[in-house]
Amino acid sequence: MFIPKKVKHRKWHKGRSIKRNIETRGASLAFGNYGLKAQSSNWVNGRQLEAGRRAISNFLKREGKLWIRVFPDKPITQKPPEVTMGGGKGDVKEFVFPVRSGRIIFELDGVPDNIAREALRLAGHKLPVKTKIVSK
């Protein structure tokens, strides 16, 4: 699973809404010829990224090269159920990456067009954002 080895601050603020923002960084292909681009905004956690990575690697049968362009480093906290108000912020539950629309999540290279598109389509179903497949 994707979690950071070390963090500067254990608990973060929730942050501004990412719903209406368009990504300015990481919005174009940098490494491969095919990519999975987010069309909507949401938090993507490490388990979802790992599921997408496994779907791609399973379909490709260890061929080609895969780049994961995002890493979940934002800690999300949650208090246990049936706990009264007060007592401070809850414990860290998971780490997420706030994906905004336009962000490239996965990139592929070294495989034929139809195989790359099918692998990225399978990975897109594992993510909580709408995606589209882009190519150079």
N, C-alpha and C. Protein backbone atom coordinates (compact mmCIF):
# COMPACT_ATOMS: atom_id res chain seq x y z
N MET A 1 0.83 -1.18 0.00
CA MET A 1 0.00 0.00 0.00
C MET A 1 0.88 1.25 0.00
N PHE A 2 0.37 2.32 -0.54
CA PHE A 2 1.13 3.56 -0.63
C PHE A 2 0.92 4.40 0.63
N ILE A 3 1.94 4.49 1.48
CA ILE A 3 1.92 5.43 2.60
C ILE A 3 3.30 6.05 2.70
N PRO A 4 3.39 7.30 3.12
CA PRO A 4 4.70 7.93 3.22
C PRO A 4 5.53 7.33 4.35
N LYS A 5 6.85 7.28 4.14
CA LYS A 5 7.75 6.76 5.17
C LYS A 5 7.79 7.69 6.37
N LYS A 6 7.79 8.98 6.09
CA LYS A 6 7.93 9.96 7.15
C LYS A 6 7.16 11.22 6.74
N VAL A 7 6.48 11.85 7.69
CA VAL A 7 5.75 13.07 7.39
C VAL A 7 6.21 14.18 8.33
N LYS A 8 6.17 15.40 7.83
CA LYS A 8 6.58 16.54 8.65
C LYS A 8 5.55 16.83 9.73
N HIS A 9 4.27 16.80 9.36
CA HIS A 9 3.19 17.02 10.31
C HIS A 9 2.25 15.82 10.27
N ARG A 10 1.93 15.29 11.44
CA ARG A 10 1.13 14.06 11.51
C ARG A 10 -0.30 14.28 11.06
N LYS A 11 -0.89 15.43 11.41
CA LYS A 11 -2.28 15.72 11.05
C LYS A 11 -2.35 17.05 10.32
N TRP A 12 -3.10 17.07 9.22
CA TRP A 12 -3.24 18.27 8.40
C TRP A 12 -4.64 18.83 8.54
N HIS A 13 -4.79 20.08 8.06
CA HIS A 13 -6.14 20.63 7.89
C HIS A 13 -6.78 19.95 6.69
N LYS A 14 -8.11 20.03 6.64
CA LYS A 14 -8.82 19.37 5.56
C LYS A 14 -8.52 19.99 4.19
N GLY A 15 -8.36 21.31 4.14
CA GLY A 15 -8.03 21.97 2.88
C GLY A 15 -9.26 22.50 2.17
N ARG A 16 -9.03 23.27 1.13
CA ARG A 16 -10.12 23.84 0.34
C ARG A 16 -10.76 22.77 -0.53
N SER A 17 -11.97 23.07 -0.99
CA SER A 17 -12.68 22.15 -1.87
C SER A 17 -11.93 22.05 -3.21
N ILE A 18 -11.81 20.85 -3.72
CA ILE A 18 -11.11 20.64 -4.99
C ILE A 18 -12.09 20.40 -6.13
N LYS A 19 -13.38 20.55 -5.86
CA LYS A 19 -14.40 20.16 -6.83
C LYS A 19 -14.38 20.98 -8.11
N ARG A 20 -14.19 22.31 -7.99
CA ARG A 20 -14.32 23.14 -9.19
C ARG A 20 -12.98 23.58 -9.76
N ASN A 21 -11.91 23.03 -9.25
CA ASN A 21 -10.59 23.45 -9.72
C ASN A 21 -10.10 22.54 -10.85
N ILE A 22 -9.31 23.13 -11.74
CA ILE A 22 -8.69 22.37 -12.81
C ILE A 22 -7.20 22.32 -12.53
N GLU A 23 -6.60 21.16 -12.72
CA GLU A 23 -5.19 20.96 -12.42
C GLU A 23 -4.31 21.74 -13.39
N THR A 24 -3.27 22.38 -12.85
CA THR A 24 -2.32 23.08 -13.71
C THR A 24 -1.01 22.30 -13.81
N ARG A 25 -0.69 21.53 -12.77
CA ARG A 25 0.54 20.72 -12.80
C ARG A 25 0.18 19.26 -13.10
N GLY A 26 1.07 18.56 -13.77
CA GLY A 26 0.85 17.14 -14.05
C GLY A 26 -0.31 16.89 -14.98
N ALA A 27 -0.57 17.82 -15.89
CA ALA A 27 -1.73 17.71 -16.76
C ALA A 27 -1.38 17.20 -18.16
N SER A 28 -0.09 16.95 -18.43
CA SER A 28 0.30 16.44 -19.74
C SER A 28 1.19 15.22 -19.57
N LEU A 29 1.25 14.41 -20.61
CA LEU A 29 2.09 13.21 -20.57
C LEU A 29 3.56 13.61 -20.52
N ALA A 30 4.31 13.00 -19.60
CA ALA A 30 5.71 13.35 -19.45
C ALA A 30 6.63 12.15 -19.71
N PHE A 31 6.16 10.93 -19.47
CA PHE A 31 7.04 9.76 -19.56
C PHE A 31 6.61 8.78 -20.64
N GLY A 32 5.34 8.41 -20.67
CA GLY A 32 4.87 7.38 -21.60
C GLY A 32 4.09 7.96 -22.76
N ASN A 33 3.59 7.05 -23.60
CA ASN A 33 2.79 7.45 -24.76
C ASN A 33 1.29 7.43 -24.47
N TYR A 34 0.88 6.73 -23.41
CA TYR A 34 -0.54 6.63 -23.06
C TYR A 34 -0.70 7.00 -21.60
N GLY A 35 -1.81 7.64 -21.28
CA GLY A 35 -2.03 8.04 -19.90
C GLY A 35 -3.50 7.98 -19.53
N LEU A 36 -3.75 7.92 -18.23
CA LEU A 36 -5.10 7.95 -17.68
C LEU A 36 -5.28 9.31 -17.02
N LYS A 37 -6.18 10.12 -17.57
CA LYS A 37 -6.36 11.50 -17.12
C LYS A 37 -7.68 11.62 -16.37
N ALA A 38 -7.66 12.30 -15.22
CA ALA A 38 -8.86 12.49 -14.41
C ALA A 38 -9.76 13.53 -15.05
N GLN A 39 -11.05 13.25 -15.08
CA GLN A 39 -12.03 14.18 -15.63
C GLN A 39 -12.86 14.84 -14.53
N SER A 40 -12.77 14.31 -13.31
CA SER A 40 -13.47 14.89 -12.17
C SER A 40 -12.50 14.95 -11.00
N SER A 41 -12.95 15.52 -9.89
CA SER A 41 -12.08 15.71 -8.73
C SER A 41 -12.55 14.85 -7.57
N ASN A 42 -11.59 14.31 -6.83
CA ASN A 42 -11.90 13.51 -5.65
C ASN A 42 -10.60 13.17 -4.93
N TRP A 43 -10.72 12.65 -3.73
CA TRP A 43 -9.56 12.12 -3.02
C TRP A 43 -9.34 10.68 -3.47
N VAL A 44 -8.10 10.35 -3.85
CA VAL A 44 -7.74 8.98 -4.22
C VAL A 44 -6.81 8.45 -3.14
N ASN A 45 -7.17 7.32 -2.53
CA ASN A 45 -6.32 6.79 -1.46
C ASN A 45 -5.37 5.72 -1.99
N GLY A 46 -4.49 5.26 -1.14
CA GLY A 46 -3.45 4.31 -1.54
C GLY A 46 -4.00 2.98 -2.00
N ARG A 47 -5.09 2.52 -1.39
CA ARG A 47 -5.68 1.23 -1.79
C ARG A 47 -6.23 1.30 -3.20
N GLN A 48 -6.84 2.43 -3.56
CA GLN A 48 -7.40 2.57 -4.90
C GLN A 48 -6.29 2.64 -5.94
N LEU A 49 -5.21 3.35 -5.63
CA LEU A 49 -4.07 3.41 -6.56
C LEU A 49 -3.45 2.04 -6.74
N GLU A 50 -3.31 1.29 -5.65
CA GLU A 50 -2.74 -0.05 -5.72
C GLU A 50 -3.63 -0.98 -6.54
N ALA A 51 -4.95 -0.85 -6.40
CA ALA A 51 -5.87 -1.66 -7.19
C ALA A 51 -5.73 -1.35 -8.67
N GLY A 52 -5.59 -0.08 -9.01
CA GLY A 52 -5.39 0.31 -10.41
C GLY A 52 -4.07 -0.20 -10.95
N ARG A 53 -3.01 -0.08 -10.13
CA ARG A 53 -1.69 -0.57 -10.55
C ARG A 53 -1.73 -2.07 -10.80
N ARG A 54 -2.39 -2.81 -9.90
CA ARG A 54 -2.47 -4.27 -10.06
C ARG A 54 -3.29 -4.67 -11.28
N ALA A 55 -4.34 -3.91 -11.56
CA ALA A 55 -5.16 -4.20 -12.75
C ALA A 55 -4.34 -4.01 -14.02
N ILE A 56 -3.53 -2.95 -14.06
CA ILE A 56 -2.68 -2.70 -15.23
C ILE A 56 -1.62 -3.78 -15.35
N SER A 57 -0.89 -4.07 -14.25
CA SER A 57 0.20 -5.05 -14.34
C SER A 57 -0.32 -6.45 -14.67
N ASN A 58 -1.49 -6.78 -14.13
CA ASN A 58 -2.08 -8.09 -14.42
C ASN A 58 -2.40 -8.22 -15.90
N PHE A 59 -2.97 -7.16 -16.47
CA PHE A 59 -3.37 -7.22 -17.88
C PHE A 59 -2.16 -7.20 -18.80
N LEU A 60 -1.11 -6.47 -18.43
CA LEU A 60 0.06 -6.33 -19.29
C LEU A 60 1.00 -7.53 -19.22
N LYS A 61 0.86 -8.38 -18.19
CA LYS A 61 1.72 -9.56 -18.03
C LYS A 61 3.20 -9.17 -18.04
N ARG A 62 3.54 -8.16 -17.23
CA ARG A 62 4.93 -7.69 -17.04
C ARG A 62 5.57 -7.15 -18.32
N GLU A 63 4.78 -6.67 -19.24
CA GLU A 63 5.33 -6.03 -20.43
C GLU A 63 5.16 -4.53 -20.30
N GLY A 64 5.99 -3.78 -21.00
CA GLY A 64 5.86 -2.33 -20.99
C GLY A 64 6.36 -1.71 -19.70
N LYS A 65 6.19 -0.41 -19.60
CA LYS A 65 6.65 0.36 -18.44
C LYS A 65 5.47 1.18 -17.93
N LEU A 66 5.31 1.20 -16.60
CA LEU A 66 4.21 1.91 -15.96
C LEU A 66 4.76 2.97 -15.02
N TRP A 67 4.20 4.18 -15.09
CA TRP A 67 4.55 5.26 -14.17
C TRP A 67 3.29 5.64 -13.41
N ILE A 68 3.41 5.80 -12.09
CA ILE A 68 2.32 6.29 -11.26
C ILE A 68 2.66 7.74 -10.92
N ARG A 69 1.86 8.67 -11.38
CA ARG A 69 2.20 10.09 -11.29
C ARG A 69 1.71 10.77 -10.02
N VAL A 70 0.98 10.06 -9.17
CA VAL A 70 0.48 10.65 -7.92
C VAL A 70 0.91 9.77 -6.75
N PHE A 71 1.02 10.39 -5.58
CA PHE A 71 1.35 9.63 -4.37
C PHE A 71 0.53 10.17 -3.21
N PRO A 72 -0.17 9.30 -2.48
CA PRO A 72 -1.01 9.78 -1.37
C PRO A 72 -0.17 10.18 -0.16
N ASP A 73 -0.12 11.48 0.13
CA ASP A 73 0.67 11.96 1.25
C ASP A 73 -0.14 12.83 2.20
N LYS A 74 -1.42 13.02 1.92
CA LYS A 74 -2.27 13.85 2.79
C LYS A 74 -2.96 12.97 3.82
N PRO A 75 -2.69 13.17 5.13
CA PRO A 75 -3.32 12.32 6.14
C PRO A 75 -4.77 12.73 6.39
N ILE A 76 -5.65 11.74 6.45
CA ILE A 76 -7.06 11.95 6.76
C ILE A 76 -7.33 11.32 8.11
N THR A 77 -7.92 12.09 9.01
CA THR A 77 -8.18 11.59 10.36
C THR A 77 -9.65 11.26 10.52
N GLN A 78 -9.92 10.38 11.48
CA GLN A 78 -11.30 10.01 11.78
C GLN A 78 -11.38 9.59 13.24
N LYS A 79 -12.43 10.05 13.93
CA LYS A 79 -12.64 9.65 15.32
C LYS A 79 -13.43 8.35 15.33
N PRO A 80 -13.23 7.52 16.33
CA PRO A 80 -13.97 6.26 16.40
C PRO A 80 -15.48 6.51 16.54
N PRO A 81 -16.30 5.52 16.20
CA PRO A 81 -17.75 5.71 16.34
C PRO A 81 -18.16 5.82 17.81
N GLU A 82 -19.24 6.55 18.05
CA GLU A 82 -19.84 6.71 19.38
C GLU A 82 -18.88 7.34 20.38
N VAL A 83 -18.10 8.32 19.93
CA VAL A 83 -17.22 9.07 20.81
C VAL A 83 -17.82 10.46 20.96
N THR A 84 -17.85 10.98 22.18
CA THR A 84 -18.47 12.28 22.41
C THR A 84 -17.61 13.39 21.82
N MET A 85 -18.22 14.58 21.71
CA MET A 85 -17.52 15.74 21.17
C MET A 85 -16.35 16.12 22.07
N GLY A 86 -15.34 16.73 21.49
CA GLY A 86 -14.16 17.13 22.25
C GLY A 86 -13.12 16.04 22.24
N GLY A 87 -12.06 16.27 22.97
CA GLY A 87 -11.01 15.25 23.03
C GLY A 87 -10.02 15.37 21.89
N GLY A 88 -10.10 16.44 21.08
CA GLY A 88 -9.11 16.66 20.03
C GLY A 88 -9.44 15.97 18.72
N LYS A 89 -8.51 16.10 17.81
CA LYS A 89 -8.65 15.53 16.46
C LYS A 89 -8.44 14.02 16.53
N GLY A 90 -9.08 13.29 15.63
CA GLY A 90 -8.97 11.83 15.64
C GLY A 90 -7.63 11.34 15.12
N ASP A 91 -7.48 10.03 15.12
CA ASP A 91 -6.25 9.40 14.65
C ASP A 91 -6.23 9.36 13.12
N VAL A 92 -5.04 9.23 12.56
CA VAL A 92 -4.90 9.15 11.10
C VAL A 92 -5.47 7.83 10.63
N LYS A 93 -6.42 7.91 9.70
CA LYS A 93 -7.11 6.73 9.17
C LYS A 93 -6.44 6.24 7.89
N GLU A 94 -6.13 7.18 6.99
CA GLU A 94 -5.55 6.81 5.70
C GLU A 94 -4.83 8.02 5.12
N PHE A 95 -4.13 7.80 4.02
CA PHE A 95 -3.47 8.87 3.29
C PHE A 95 -4.11 8.94 1.91
N VAL A 96 -4.34 10.17 1.44
CA VAL A 96 -5.00 10.37 0.15
C VAL A 96 -4.20 11.35 -0.69
N PHE A 97 -4.53 11.39 -1.99
CA PHE A 97 -4.01 12.41 -2.89
C PHE A 97 -5.22 13.13 -3.47
N PRO A 98 -5.32 14.47 -3.27
CA PRO A 98 -6.46 15.19 -3.84
C PRO A 98 -6.29 15.38 -5.35
N VAL A 99 -6.98 14.56 -6.13
CA VAL A 99 -6.89 14.62 -7.60
C VAL A 99 -7.89 15.64 -8.10
N ARG A 100 -7.41 16.59 -8.89
CA ARG A 100 -8.29 17.55 -9.54
C ARG A 100 -8.44 17.16 -11.00
N SER A 101 -9.47 17.67 -11.65
CA SER A 101 -9.70 17.30 -13.05
C SER A 101 -8.55 17.79 -13.92
N GLY A 102 -8.11 16.93 -14.82
CA GLY A 102 -7.00 17.25 -15.71
C GLY A 102 -5.69 16.60 -15.31
N ARG A 103 -5.63 15.95 -14.16
CA ARG A 103 -4.39 15.36 -13.66
C ARG A 103 -4.16 13.99 -14.31
N ILE A 104 -2.92 13.74 -14.74
CA ILE A 104 -2.52 12.42 -15.24
C ILE A 104 -2.22 11.54 -14.03
N ILE A 105 -2.85 10.36 -13.95
CA ILE A 105 -2.66 9.48 -12.80
C ILE A 105 -1.69 8.36 -13.14
N PHE A 106 -1.90 7.67 -14.24
CA PHE A 106 -1.01 6.59 -14.69
C PHE A 106 -0.50 6.91 -16.09
N GLU A 107 0.71 6.45 -16.39
CA GLU A 107 1.25 6.53 -17.75
C GLU A 107 1.82 5.17 -18.13
N LEU A 108 1.71 4.85 -19.41
CA LEU A 108 2.17 3.57 -19.95
C LEU A 108 3.01 3.79 -21.20
N ASP A 109 3.94 2.87 -21.43
CA ASP A 109 4.72 2.90 -22.66
C ASP A 109 5.23 1.50 -22.93
N GLY A 110 5.55 1.23 -24.19
CA GLY A 110 6.16 -0.05 -24.56
C GLY A 110 5.19 -1.16 -24.87
N VAL A 111 3.90 -0.85 -25.05
CA VAL A 111 2.90 -1.86 -25.41
C VAL A 111 2.08 -1.34 -26.57
N PRO A 112 1.43 -2.23 -27.35
CA PRO A 112 0.60 -1.79 -28.46
C PRO A 112 -0.59 -0.93 -27.99
N ASP A 113 -1.15 -0.19 -28.93
CA ASP A 113 -2.22 0.77 -28.63
C ASP A 113 -3.43 0.11 -27.97
N ASN A 114 -3.94 -0.98 -28.55
CA ASN A 114 -5.17 -1.58 -28.02
C ASN A 114 -4.96 -2.18 -26.63
N ILE A 115 -3.80 -2.74 -26.37
CA ILE A 115 -3.50 -3.33 -25.06
C ILE A 115 -3.37 -2.22 -24.01
N ALA A 116 -2.70 -1.14 -24.35
CA ALA A 116 -2.53 -0.02 -23.41
C ALA A 116 -3.89 0.59 -23.05
N ARG A 117 -4.74 0.77 -24.05
CA ARG A 117 -6.05 1.37 -23.79
C ARG A 117 -6.91 0.47 -22.91
N GLU A 118 -6.87 -0.82 -23.14
CA GLU A 118 -7.67 -1.75 -22.32
C GLU A 118 -7.15 -1.80 -20.88
N ALA A 119 -5.82 -1.80 -20.71
CA ALA A 119 -5.24 -1.82 -19.36
C ALA A 119 -5.62 -0.55 -18.59
N LEU A 120 -5.55 0.60 -19.25
CA LEU A 120 -5.92 1.85 -18.58
C LEU A 120 -7.41 1.94 -18.32
N ARG A 121 -8.21 1.35 -19.18
CA ARG A 121 -9.66 1.33 -18.96
C ARG A 121 -9.98 0.53 -17.71
N LEU A 122 -9.31 -0.62 -17.54
CA LEU A 122 -9.52 -1.45 -16.35
C LEU A 122 -9.11 -0.70 -15.08
N ALA A 123 -8.00 0.03 -15.15
CA ALA A 123 -7.53 0.79 -13.99
C ALA A 123 -8.49 1.94 -13.67
N GLY A 124 -9.07 2.54 -14.69
CA GLY A 124 -9.99 3.65 -14.47
C GLY A 124 -11.22 3.25 -13.67
N HIS A 125 -11.63 1.99 -13.80
CA HIS A 125 -12.79 1.51 -13.05
C HIS A 125 -12.50 1.38 -11.56
N LYS A 126 -11.24 1.31 -11.18
CA LYS A 126 -10.86 1.15 -9.77
C LYS A 126 -10.78 2.48 -9.03
N LEU A 127 -10.84 3.59 -9.75
CA LEU A 127 -10.64 4.90 -9.15
C LEU A 127 -11.97 5.62 -8.92
N PRO A 128 -12.03 6.52 -7.91
CA PRO A 128 -13.28 7.21 -7.62
C PRO A 128 -13.50 8.47 -8.47
N VAL A 129 -12.73 8.64 -9.54
CA VAL A 129 -12.88 9.79 -10.42
C VAL A 129 -13.22 9.31 -11.83
N LYS A 130 -13.91 10.15 -12.58
CA LYS A 130 -14.13 9.86 -13.99
C LYS A 130 -12.80 10.05 -14.71
N THR A 131 -12.48 9.15 -15.63
CA THR A 131 -11.20 9.23 -16.31
C THR A 131 -11.37 9.11 -17.81
N LYS A 132 -10.33 9.55 -18.54
CA LYS A 132 -10.28 9.30 -19.97
C LYS A 132 -8.85 8.92 -20.32
N ILE A 133 -8.70 8.20 -21.42
CA ILE A 133 -7.39 7.74 -21.86
C ILE A 133 -6.86 8.73 -22.89
N VAL A 134 -5.64 9.19 -22.67
CA VAL A 134 -5.01 10.14 -23.58
C VAL A 134 -3.75 9.52 -24.16
N SER A 135 -3.36 9.98 -25.32
CA SER A 135 -2.13 9.49 -25.94
C SER A 135 -1.41 10.65 -26.59
N LYS A 136 -0.12 10.45 -26.87
CA LYS A 136 0.68 11.49 -27.51
C LYS A 136 0.31 11.62 -28.96
